[in-house]
Amino acid sequence: MSTRDLIDAIQAGDSTKVDDAFNTVMVQKVSERLDAMRDDLSQNMFRAVDSSTQDTEPAAVETAEGDE
């Protein structure tokens, strides 16, 4: 079903067909958006991290002295 089918069902006043057409159209729209989001995520997942955001020096490790 398409958006046109939804409009036709609304004009005809058939609530069952309106409900079915609406649900079908929404499932298609959500599915298309999720596919686009998956593609975007997969393209950016392993992209190099900006070096200015990485720590360049390791954190200092403190040791207790004289605790023998």
Protein backbone atom coordinates (compact mmCIF):
# COMPACT_ATOMS: atom_id res chain seq x y z
CA MET A 1 0.00 0.00 0.00
CA SER A 2 1.06 3.55 -0.57
CA THR A 3 0.23 6.99 0.69
CA ARG A 4 -2.19 7.27 -2.22
CA ASP A 5 -4.01 4.15 -0.97
CA LEU A 6 -4.27 5.77 2.45
CA ILE A 7 -5.80 8.91 0.97
CA ASP A 8 -8.25 6.87 -1.12
CA ALA A 9 -9.31 4.88 1.95
CA ILE A 10 -9.86 8.11 3.92
CA GLN A 11 -11.97 9.54 1.11
CA ALA A 12 -13.97 6.32 0.91
CA GLY A 13 -14.54 6.37 4.67
CA ASP A 14 -13.35 2.77 5.11
CA SER A 15 -11.77 2.79 8.56
CA THR A 16 -10.36 -0.73 8.26
CA LYS A 17 -8.53 0.12 5.05
CA VAL A 18 -7.39 3.44 6.53
CA ASP A 19 -5.89 1.62 9.50
CA ASP A 20 -4.21 -1.00 7.30
CA ALA A 21 -2.87 1.57 4.84
CA PHE A 22 -1.58 3.83 7.62
CA ASN A 23 0.21 0.96 9.36
CA THR A 24 1.74 -0.23 6.10
CA VAL A 25 2.96 3.24 5.16
CA MET A 26 4.43 3.81 8.63
CA VAL A 27 6.24 0.46 8.63
CA GLN A 28 7.75 1.32 5.24
CA LYS A 29 8.86 4.77 6.40
CA VAL A 30 10.40 3.46 9.63
CA SER A 31 12.13 0.64 7.78
CA GLU A 32 13.61 3.05 5.23
CA ARG A 33 14.87 5.35 8.00
CA LEU A 34 16.40 2.48 9.98
CA ASP A 35 18.18 1.25 6.85
CA ALA A 36 19.60 4.72 6.28
CA MET A 37 20.73 4.93 9.91
CA ARG A 38 22.40 1.49 9.68
CA ASP A 39 24.25 2.56 6.54
CA ASP A 40 25.42 5.77 8.19
CA LEU A 41 26.54 3.91 11.31
CA SER A 42 28.43 1.27 9.35
CA GLN A 43 30.23 3.93 7.29
CA ASN A 44 31.29 5.90 10.36
CA MET A 45 31.94 3.10 12.82
CA PHE A 46 35.61 2.60 12.09
CA ARG A 47 36.45 6.10 10.89
CA ALA A 48 39.68 7.41 12.41
CA VAL A 49 39.27 9.29 15.66
CA ASP A 50 40.40 12.91 15.66
CA SER A 51 43.87 12.97 17.22
CA SER A 52 43.16 16.17 19.14
CA THR A 53 40.64 14.33 21.30
CA GLN A 54 42.98 11.51 22.28
CA ASP A 55 45.23 11.62 25.33
CA THR A 56 48.84 11.81 24.22
CA GLU A 57 50.38 11.04 27.60
CA PRO A 58 49.49 7.99 29.65
CA ALA A 59 48.10 8.64 33.10
CA ALA A 60 50.65 8.55 35.90
CA VAL A 61 50.47 5.57 38.21
CA GLU A 62 50.84 6.45 41.86
CA THR A 63 52.57 4.00 44.16
CA ALA A 64 52.58 4.01 47.91
CA GLU A 65 56.06 4.44 49.35
CA GLY A 66 57.09 3.28 52.81
CA ASP A 67 54.14 0.90 53.28
CA GLU A 68 56.38 -2.08 54.06
